[in-house]
Amino acid sequence: MRLSFIFFIFLLFLNCESTQSKKKSEPTNLQVKPKQEQIVTPNSDKKPEREFPVLTEKNAMDFFLEYEKHNKENKVRLTTDFGVIEILLFDKTKFHRANFIFLTKQGYFNDTQFYRVINNYIVQAGNSDDKKTARKRRKIGRYLLPTDTKRGYKHDRGVISMPSSELENPHKLASPYEFFIVQQRGGAHFLNGDYTIFGKVTKGMYVIDKIAAVSTDNADWPLQNIYIRKVEIMD
């Protein structure tokens, strides 16, 4: 009887040891919780950082001075409702070239319009009555560019030039979002010295002639909207 009791105690001791060993080998919630707390989920509501600053009168010139050093492209293609126009931008007017390349890369000109058309004179583009264009401008910034008229260029047929801003503007600072192309045969040389010429049409003047021939209202706006569908950098 005594041996049976001792054997029972021995079996009970082995069972307790086995239970304690099993508990130590099992991971607990406290062991995995710190790893879970270290997992950081991205905040989907956080807005991505801007690649470029909002441009103003104070920072625009410094911005383009630096931008033009690293963005040397000078050929662009405009796809319009009436056909394709290719333009060469002049390196000498570096701020205006850089501005046009910058706006092209930002997609600003896409879906803007030829909003002022005068046959045998000019076609003017880069604006729109679409609210989307106004939103693009607000995102990029509000600024003007100085005139750069002493590079030897003349307002010959096919040149691309930058109009003055409609703001109070005694020095005829250029509106950076808009441009006009001289369609007049023989040129419009009375404009020389007042507006900055920064490029010329190399292909597609027949498209300019087609645009210039459309019917317009009293404000020279085409009766049927003519869109620039896309502006892109050429190799």
C-alpha atoms as a PDB file:
ATOM      1  CA  MET A   1       0.000   0.000   0.000  1.00  0.00           C
ATOM      2  CA  ARG A   2       2.824   2.400   0.852  1.00  0.00           C
ATOM      3  CA  LEU A   3       4.500   1.688  -2.513  1.00  0.00           C
ATOM      4  CA  SER A   4       1.264   2.427  -4.376  1.00  0.00           C
ATOM      5  CA  PHE A   5       0.926   5.781  -2.599  1.00  0.00           C
ATOM      6  CA  ILE A   6       4.540   6.717  -3.372  1.00  0.00           C
ATOM      7  CA  PHE A   7       4.029   5.795  -7.047  1.00  0.00           C
ATOM      8  CA  PHE A   8       0.882   7.978  -7.180  1.00  0.00           C
ATOM      9  CA  ILE A   9       2.785  10.950  -5.744  1.00  0.00           C
ATOM     10  CA  PHE A  10       5.548  10.427  -8.295  1.00  0.00           C
ATOM     11  CA  LEU A  11       3.060  10.433 -11.228  1.00  0.00           C
ATOM     12  CA  LEU A  12       1.410  13.616  -9.882  1.00  0.00           C
ATOM     13  CA  PHE A  13       4.835  15.368  -9.683  1.00  0.00           C
ATOM     14  CA  LEU A  14       5.680  14.420 -13.293  1.00  0.00           C
ATOM     15  CA  ASN A  15       2.329  15.779 -14.555  1.00  0.00           C
ATOM     16  CA  CYS A  16       2.886  19.154 -12.812  1.00  0.00           C
ATOM     17  CA  GLU A  17       6.405  19.443 -14.304  1.00  0.00           C
ATOM     18  CA  SER A  18       5.043  18.692 -17.770  1.00  0.00           C
ATOM     19  CA  THR A  19       2.320  21.338 -17.388  1.00  0.00           C
ATOM     20  CA  GLN A  20       4.795  24.014 -16.241  1.00  0.00           C
ATOM     21  CA  SER A  21       7.152  23.228 -19.133  1.00  0.00           C
ATOM     22  CA  LYS A  22       4.318  23.500 -21.634  1.00  0.00           C
ATOM     23  CA  LYS A  23       3.233  26.908 -20.294  1.00  0.00           C
ATOM     24  CA  LYS A  24       6.770  28.334 -20.624  1.00  0.00           C
ATOM     25  CA  SER A  25       7.133  27.199 -24.244  1.00  0.00           C
ATOM     26  CA  GLU A  26       3.880  28.794 -25.499  1.00  0.00           C
ATOM     27  CA  PRO A  27       4.055  32.449 -26.770  1.00  0.00           C
ATOM     28  CA  THR A  28       1.710  34.751 -24.931  1.00  0.00           C
ATOM     29  CA  ASN A  29      -0.054  37.932 -26.089  1.00  0.00           C
ATOM     30  CA  LEU A  30       2.481  39.963 -24.147  1.00  0.00           C
ATOM     31  CA  GLN A  31       5.273  38.448 -26.242  1.00  0.00           C
ATOM     32  CA  VAL A  32       3.768  39.443 -29.660  1.00  0.00           C
ATOM     33  CA  LYS A  33       2.071  42.708 -28.696  1.00  0.00           C
ATOM     34  CA  PRO A  34       5.186  44.917 -28.795  1.00  0.00           C
ATOM     35  CA  LYS A  35       5.779  43.856 -32.417  1.00  0.00           C
ATOM     36  CA  GLN A  36       2.211  44.773 -33.324  1.00  0.00           C
ATOM     37  CA  GLU A  37       2.515  48.192 -31.721  1.00  0.00           C
ATOM     38  CA  GLN A  38       5.598  48.956 -33.831  1.00  0.00           C
ATOM     39  CA  ILE A  39       3.689  48.569 -37.101  1.00  0.00           C
ATOM     40  CA  VAL A  40       3.006  52.048 -38.515  1.00  0.00           C
ATOM     41  CA  THR A  41       0.207  52.346 -41.052  1.00  0.00           C
ATOM     42  CA  PRO A  42       0.514  55.157 -43.611  1.00  0.00           C
ATOM     43  CA  ASN A  43      -1.819  58.104 -43.152  1.00  0.00           C
ATOM     44  CA  SER A  44      -3.876  58.146 -46.340  1.00  0.00           C
ATOM     45  CA  ASP A  45      -5.200  61.630 -45.530  1.00  0.00           C
ATOM     46  CA  LYS A  46      -1.749  63.224 -45.600  1.00  0.00           C
ATOM     47  CA  LYS A  47      -1.201  65.354 -48.703  1.00  0.00           C
ATOM     48  CA  PRO A  48       1.965  64.693 -50.727  1.00  0.00           C
ATOM     49  CA  GLU A  49       4.649  67.342 -50.476  1.00  0.00           C
ATOM     50  CA  ARG A  50       4.923  69.823 -53.365  1.00  0.00           C
ATOM     51  CA  GLU A  51       7.830  69.337 -55.726  1.00  0.00           C
ATOM     52  CA  PHE A  52       7.966  73.077 -56.431  1.00  0.00           C
ATOM     53  CA  PRO A  53       7.051  76.152 -54.375  1.00  0.00           C
ATOM     54  CA  VAL A  54       4.029  78.323 -55.057  1.00  0.00           C
ATOM     55  CA  LEU A  55       5.449  80.995 -57.361  1.00  0.00           C
ATOM     56  CA  THR A  56       5.131  84.670 -56.442  1.00  0.00           C
ATOM     57  CA  GLU A  57       6.563  88.000 -57.564  1.00  0.00           C
ATOM     58  CA  LYS A  58       9.285  87.542 -54.953  1.00  0.00           C
ATOM     59  CA  ASN A  59      10.543  84.061 -55.799  1.00  0.00           C
ATOM     60  CA  ALA A  60       9.673  83.468 -59.478  1.00  0.00           C
ATOM     61  CA  MET A  61      12.834  84.909 -61.037  1.00  0.00           C
ATOM     62  CA  ASP A  62      15.166  83.066 -58.661  1.00  0.00           C
ATOM     63  CA  PHE A  63      13.180  79.900 -59.262  1.00  0.00           C
ATOM     64  CA  PHE A  64      13.469  80.103 -63.064  1.00  0.00           C
ATOM     65  CA  LEU A  65      17.108  81.110 -62.887  1.00  0.00           C
ATOM     66  CA  GLU A  66      17.802  77.790 -61.200  1.00  0.00           C
ATOM     67  CA  TYR A  67      15.193  75.821 -63.154  1.00  0.00           C
ATOM     68  CA  GLU A  68      16.612  76.732 -66.553  1.00  0.00           C
ATOM     69  CA  LYS A  69      20.012  75.331 -65.590  1.00  0.00           C
ATOM     70  CA  HIS A  70      18.580  71.841 -65.201  1.00  0.00           C
ATOM     71  CA  ASN A  71      15.810  71.887 -67.824  1.00  0.00           C
ATOM     72  CA  LYS A  72      17.380  72.662 -71.182  1.00  0.00           C
ATOM     73  CA  GLU A  73      14.564  71.443 -73.442  1.00  0.00           C
ATOM     74  CA  ASN A  74      13.628  73.901 -76.177  1.00  0.00           C
ATOM     75  CA  LYS A  75      11.228  72.079 -78.509  1.00  0.00           C
ATOM     76  CA  VAL A  76       7.521  71.587 -77.847  1.00  0.00           C
ATOM     77  CA  ARG A  77       4.584  70.138 -79.744  1.00  0.00           C
ATOM     78  CA  LEU A  78       1.057  71.543 -79.475  1.00  0.00           C
ATOM     79  CA  THR A  79      -1.795  69.242 -80.425  1.00  0.00           C
ATOM     80  CA  THR A  80      -4.855  71.368 -81.194  1.00  0.00           C
ATOM     81  CA  ASP A  81      -8.358  70.803 -82.544  1.00  0.00           C
ATOM     82  CA  PHE A  82      -7.082  72.006 -85.913  1.00  0.00           C
ATOM     83  CA  GLY A  83      -3.797  70.094 -86.077  1.00  0.00           C
ATOM     84  CA  VAL A  84      -0.263  69.905 -84.704  1.00  0.00           C
ATOM     85  CA  ILE A  85       2.089  72.868 -84.230  1.00  0.00           C
ATOM     86  CA  GLU A  86       5.770  72.486 -83.394  1.00  0.00           C
ATOM     87  CA  ILE A  87       7.704  75.316 -81.763  1.00  0.00           C
ATOM     88  CA  LEU A  88      11.367  76.042 -81.095  1.00  0.00           C
ATOM     89  CA  LEU A  89      12.009  78.079 -77.926  1.00  0.00           C
ATOM     90  CA  PHE A  90      14.943  80.486 -77.939  1.00  0.00           C
ATOM     91  CA  ASP A  91      17.775  79.915 -75.453  1.00  0.00           C
ATOM     92  CA  LYS A  92      18.565  83.646 -75.290  1.00  0.00           C
ATOM     93  CA  THR A  93      15.246  84.423 -73.588  1.00  0.00           C
ATOM     94  CA  LYS A  94      16.012  81.932 -70.846  1.00  0.00           C
ATOM     95  CA  PHE A  95      13.402  82.965 -68.272  1.00  0.00           C
ATOM     96  CA  HIS A  96      10.568  82.803 -70.789  1.00  0.00           C
ATOM     97  CA  ARG A  97      11.828  79.519 -72.256  1.00  0.00           C
ATOM     98  CA  ALA A  98      12.151  78.012 -68.779  1.00  0.00           C
ATOM     99  CA  ASN A  99       8.691  79.267 -67.843  1.00  0.00           C
ATOM    100  CA  PHE A 100       7.107  77.654 -70.907  1.00  0.00           C
ATOM    101  CA  ILE A 101       8.919  74.362 -70.302  1.00  0.00           C
ATOM    102  CA  PHE A 102       7.927  74.405 -66.630  1.00  0.00           C
ATOM    103  CA  LEU A 103       4.248  75.023 -67.407  1.00  0.00           C
ATOM    104  CA  THR A 104       4.355  72.325 -70.077  1.00  0.00           C
ATOM    105  CA  LYS A 105       5.732  69.792 -67.601  1.00  0.00           C
ATOM    106  CA  GLN A 106       3.048  70.794 -65.097  1.00  0.00           C
ATOM    107  CA  GLY A 107       0.373  70.088 -67.725  1.00  0.00           C
ATOM    108  CA  TYR A 108      -0.904  73.651 -67.513  1.00  0.00           C
ATOM    109  CA  PHE A 109      -1.549  74.206 -71.232  1.00  0.00           C
ATOM    110  CA  ASN A 110      -3.522  71.007 -71.711  1.00  0.00           C
ATOM    111  CA  ASP A 111      -7.179  71.885 -72.451  1.00  0.00           C
ATOM    112  CA  THR A 112      -6.587  75.628 -72.614  1.00  0.00           C
ATOM    113  CA  GLN A 113      -7.892  77.527 -75.636  1.00  0.00           C
ATOM    114  CA  PHE A 114      -7.107  79.948 -78.411  1.00  0.00           C
ATOM    115  CA  TYR A 115      -9.188  82.687 -76.856  1.00  0.00           C
ATOM    116  CA  ARG A 116      -8.244  85.701 -79.008  1.00  0.00           C
ATOM    117  CA  VAL A 117      -8.099  85.360 -82.775  1.00  0.00           C
ATOM    118  CA  ILE A 118      -7.619  88.206 -85.252  1.00  0.00           C
ATOM    119  CA  ASN A 119      -7.193  87.171 -88.871  1.00  0.00           C
ATOM    120  CA  ASN A 120      -4.028  88.461 -90.553  1.00  0.00           C
ATOM    121  CA  TYR A 121      -2.658  89.521 -87.170  1.00  0.00           C
ATOM    122  CA  ILE A 122      -2.293  87.086 -84.241  1.00  0.00           C
ATOM    123  CA  VAL A 123      -3.772  84.057 -82.503  1.00  0.00           C
ATOM    124  CA  GLN A 124      -3.508  84.134 -78.717  1.00  0.00           C
ATOM    125  CA  ALA A 125      -3.724  81.118 -76.406  1.00  0.00           C
ATOM    126  CA  GLY A 126      -3.143  79.752 -72.924  1.00  0.00           C
ATOM    127  CA  ASN A 127      -6.374  80.768 -71.212  1.00  0.00           C
ATOM    128  CA  SER A 128      -9.816  79.269 -70.835  1.00  0.00           C
ATOM    129  CA  ASP A 129     -13.247  79.922 -69.347  1.00  0.00           C
ATOM    130  CA  ASP A 130     -13.009  76.502 -67.693  1.00  0.00           C
ATOM    131  CA  LYS A 131     -12.645  76.603 -63.892  1.00  0.00           C
ATOM    132  CA  LYS A 132     -10.026  73.861 -64.141  1.00  0.00           C
ATOM    133  CA  THR A 133      -7.599  76.324 -65.714  1.00  0.00           C
ATOM    134  CA  ALA A 134      -8.124  78.804 -62.878  1.00  0.00           C
ATOM    135  CA  ARG A 135      -7.411  76.038 -60.346  1.00  0.00           C
ATOM    136  CA  LYS A 136      -4.164  75.183 -62.151  1.00  0.00           C
ATOM    137  CA  ARG A 137      -3.072  78.814 -61.946  1.00  0.00           C
ATOM    138  CA  ARG A 138      -3.814  79.033 -58.247  1.00  0.00           C
ATOM    139  CA  LYS A 139      -1.793  75.880 -57.634  1.00  0.00           C
ATOM    140  CA  ILE A 140       1.236  77.107 -59.617  1.00  0.00           C
ATOM    141  CA  GLY A 141       1.155  80.696 -58.368  1.00  0.00           C
ATOM    142  CA  ARG A 142       0.641  84.328 -59.298  1.00  0.00           C
ATOM    143  CA  TYR A 143       3.631  86.038 -60.891  1.00  0.00           C
ATOM    144  CA  LEU A 144       4.801  88.048 -63.913  1.00  0.00           C
ATOM    145  CA  LEU A 145       7.936  87.918 -66.037  1.00  0.00           C
ATOM    146  CA  PRO A 146      10.007  90.954 -67.073  1.00  0.00           C
ATOM    147  CA  THR A 147      10.247  91.908 -70.722  1.00  0.00           C
ATOM    148  CA  ASP A 148      13.332  90.733 -72.593  1.00  0.00           C
ATOM    149  CA  THR A 149      13.168  92.576 -75.899  1.00  0.00           C
ATOM    150  CA  LYS A 150      16.793  93.288 -76.822  1.00  0.00           C
ATOM    151  CA  ARG A 151      17.807  89.913 -78.256  1.00  0.00           C
ATOM    152  CA  GLY A 152      17.525  90.908 -81.902  1.00  0.00           C
ATOM    153  CA  TYR A 153      14.219  89.123 -82.541  1.00  0.00           C
ATOM    154  CA  LYS A 154      11.391  90.773 -84.488  1.00  0.00           C
ATOM    155  CA  HIS A 155       7.698  90.037 -84.628  1.00  0.00           C
ATOM    156  CA  ASP A 156       7.928  88.196 -87.925  1.00  0.00           C
ATOM    157  CA  ARG A 157       5.248  85.806 -89.081  1.00  0.00           C
ATOM    158  CA  GLY A 158       5.370  82.621 -87.002  1.00  0.00           C
ATOM    159  CA  VAL A 159       7.131  83.931 -83.894  1.00  0.00           C
ATOM    160  CA  ILE A 160       5.734  83.187 -80.451  1.00  0.00           C
ATOM    161  CA  SER A 161       5.615  86.084 -78.017  1.00  0.00           C
ATOM    162  CA  MET A 162       4.300  86.760 -74.541  1.00  0.00           C
ATOM    163  CA  PRO A 163       1.520  89.329 -73.960  1.00  0.00           C
ATOM    164  CA  SER A 164       1.464  91.819 -71.118  1.00  0.00           C
ATOM    165  CA  SER A 165      -0.631  91.071 -68.081  1.00  0.00           C
ATOM    166  CA  GLU A 166      -4.038  92.705 -67.837  1.00  0.00           C
ATOM    167  CA  LEU A 167      -3.115  93.800 -64.324  1.00  0.00           C
ATOM    168  CA  GLU A 168      -1.980  97.370 -63.680  1.00  0.00           C
ATOM    169  CA  ASN A 169       1.259  97.015 -65.537  1.00  0.00           C
ATOM    170  CA  PRO A 170       3.128 100.171 -66.640  1.00  0.00           C
ATOM    171  CA  HIS A 171       6.262  98.175 -67.527  1.00  0.00           C
ATOM    172  CA  LYS A 172       4.327  95.662 -69.670  1.00  0.00           C
ATOM    173  CA  LEU A 173       5.461  92.698 -67.603  1.00  0.00           C
ATOM    174  CA  ALA A 174       4.537  89.458 -69.306  1.00  0.00           C
ATOM    175  CA  SER A 175       1.656  87.210 -68.337  1.00  0.00           C
ATOM    176  CA  PRO A 176       3.438  83.844 -67.959  1.00  0.00           C
ATOM    177  CA  TYR A 177       0.415  81.661 -68.684  1.00  0.00           C
ATOM    178  CA  GLU A 178      -0.408  83.043 -72.131  1.00  0.00           C
ATOM    179  CA  PHE A 179       1.261  83.477 -75.495  1.00  0.00           C
ATOM    180  CA  PHE A 180       0.481  84.704 -78.969  1.00  0.00           C
ATOM    181  CA  ILE A 181       1.714  83.669 -82.396  1.00  0.00           C
ATOM    182  CA  VAL A 182       2.060  86.235 -85.177  1.00  0.00           C
ATOM    183  CA  GLN A 183      -0.028  85.096 -88.150  1.00  0.00           C
ATOM    184  CA  GLN A 184       0.212  88.306 -90.156  1.00  0.00           C
ATOM    185  CA  ARG A 185       2.018  87.909 -93.455  1.00  0.00           C
ATOM    186  CA  GLY A 186       5.008  90.232 -93.434  1.00  0.00           C
ATOM    187  CA  GLY A 187       4.986  90.291 -89.640  1.00  0.00           C
ATOM    188  CA  ALA A 188       3.631  92.707 -87.025  1.00  0.00           C
ATOM    189  CA  HIS A 189       6.746  94.765 -86.404  1.00  0.00           C
ATOM    190  CA  PHE A 190       4.951  97.585 -84.599  1.00  0.00           C
ATOM    191  CA  LEU A 191       4.948  95.168 -81.628  1.00  0.00           C
ATOM    192  CA  ASN A 192       8.760  95.098 -81.513  1.00  0.00           C
ATOM    193  CA  GLY A 193      10.215  96.372 -78.271  1.00  0.00           C
ATOM    194  CA  ASP A 194       7.035  95.928 -76.257  1.00  0.00           C
ATOM    195  CA  TYR A 195       6.623  92.156 -76.007  1.00  0.00           C
ATOM    196  CA  THR A 196       9.111  89.351 -75.488  1.00  0.00           C
ATOM    197  CA  ILE A 197       9.635  87.008 -78.426  1.00  0.00           C
ATOM    198  CA  PHE A 198      10.775  83.643 -77.069  1.00  0.00           C
ATOM    199  CA  GLY A 199      10.243  81.152 -79.884  1.00  0.00           C
ATOM    200  CA  LYS A 200       8.999  80.444 -83.393  1.00  0.00           C
ATOM    201  CA  VAL A 201       6.806  77.947 -85.201  1.00  0.00           C
ATOM    202  CA  THR A 202       8.888  75.376 -87.066  1.00  0.00           C
ATOM    203  CA  LYS A 203       6.024  73.249 -88.326  1.00  0.00           C
ATOM    204  CA  GLY A 204       2.284  73.769 -88.686  1.00  0.00           C
ATOM    205  CA  MET A 205       1.814  77.403 -89.732  1.00  0.00           C
ATOM    206  CA  TYR A 206      -1.070  76.191 -91.875  1.00  0.00           C
ATOM    207  CA  VAL A 207      -2.771  75.262 -88.574  1.00  0.00           C
ATOM    208  CA  ILE A 208      -2.291  78.841 -87.352  1.00  0.00           C
ATOM    209  CA  ASP A 209      -3.834  80.117 -90.591  1.00  0.00           C
ATOM    210  CA  LYS A 210      -6.845  77.823 -90.156  1.00  0.00           C
ATOM    211  CA  ILE A 211      -7.356  79.027 -86.581  1.00  0.00           C
ATOM    212  CA  ALA A 212      -7.006  82.676 -87.623  1.00  0.00           C
ATOM    213  CA  ALA A 213      -9.756  82.267 -90.239  1.00  0.00           C
ATOM    214  CA  VAL A 214     -12.534  81.190 -87.844  1.00  0.00           C
ATOM    215  CA  SER A 215     -15.489  83.406 -86.980  1.00  0.00           C
ATOM    216  CA  THR A 216     -15.252  85.311 -83.690  1.00  0.00           C
ATOM    217  CA  ASP A 217     -17.428  87.460 -81.446  1.00  0.00           C
ATOM    218  CA  ASN A 218     -16.897  91.153 -80.727  1.00  0.00           C
ATOM    219  CA  ALA A 219     -14.192  90.281 -78.187  1.00  0.00           C
ATOM    220  CA  ASP A 220     -12.250  88.228 -80.798  1.00  0.00           C
ATOM    221  CA  TRP A 221     -13.132  84.974 -79.022  1.00  0.00           C
ATOM    222  CA  PRO A 222     -13.858  82.154 -81.516  1.00  0.00           C
ATOM    223  CA  LEU A 223     -17.560  81.350 -81.737  1.00  0.00           C
ATOM    224  CA  GLN A 224     -16.589  77.684 -81.489  1.00  0.00           C
ATOM    225  CA  ASN A 225     -13.982  76.915 -78.821  1.00  0.00           C
ATOM    226  CA  ILE A 226     -10.610  75.826 -80.176  1.00  0.00           C
ATOM    227  CA  TYR A 227      -8.682  73.736 -77.650  1.00  0.00           C
ATOM    228  CA  ILE A 228      -5.045  72.940 -77.144  1.00  0.00           C
ATOM    229  CA  ARG A 229      -5.519  69.315 -76.226  1.00  0.00           C
ATOM    230  CA  LYS A 230      -1.936  68.636 -75.224  1.00  0.00           C
ATOM    231  CA  VAL A 231       1.472  70.325 -75.083  1.00  0.00           C
ATOM    232  CA  GLU A 232       4.484  68.045 -74.777  1.00  0.00           C
ATOM    233  CA  ILE A 233       8.268  68.226 -74.820  1.00  0.00           C
ATOM    234  CA  MET A 234       9.908  66.973 -78.017  1.00  0.00           C
ATOM    235  CA  ASP A 235      13.205  65.081 -78.080  1.00  0.00           C
END
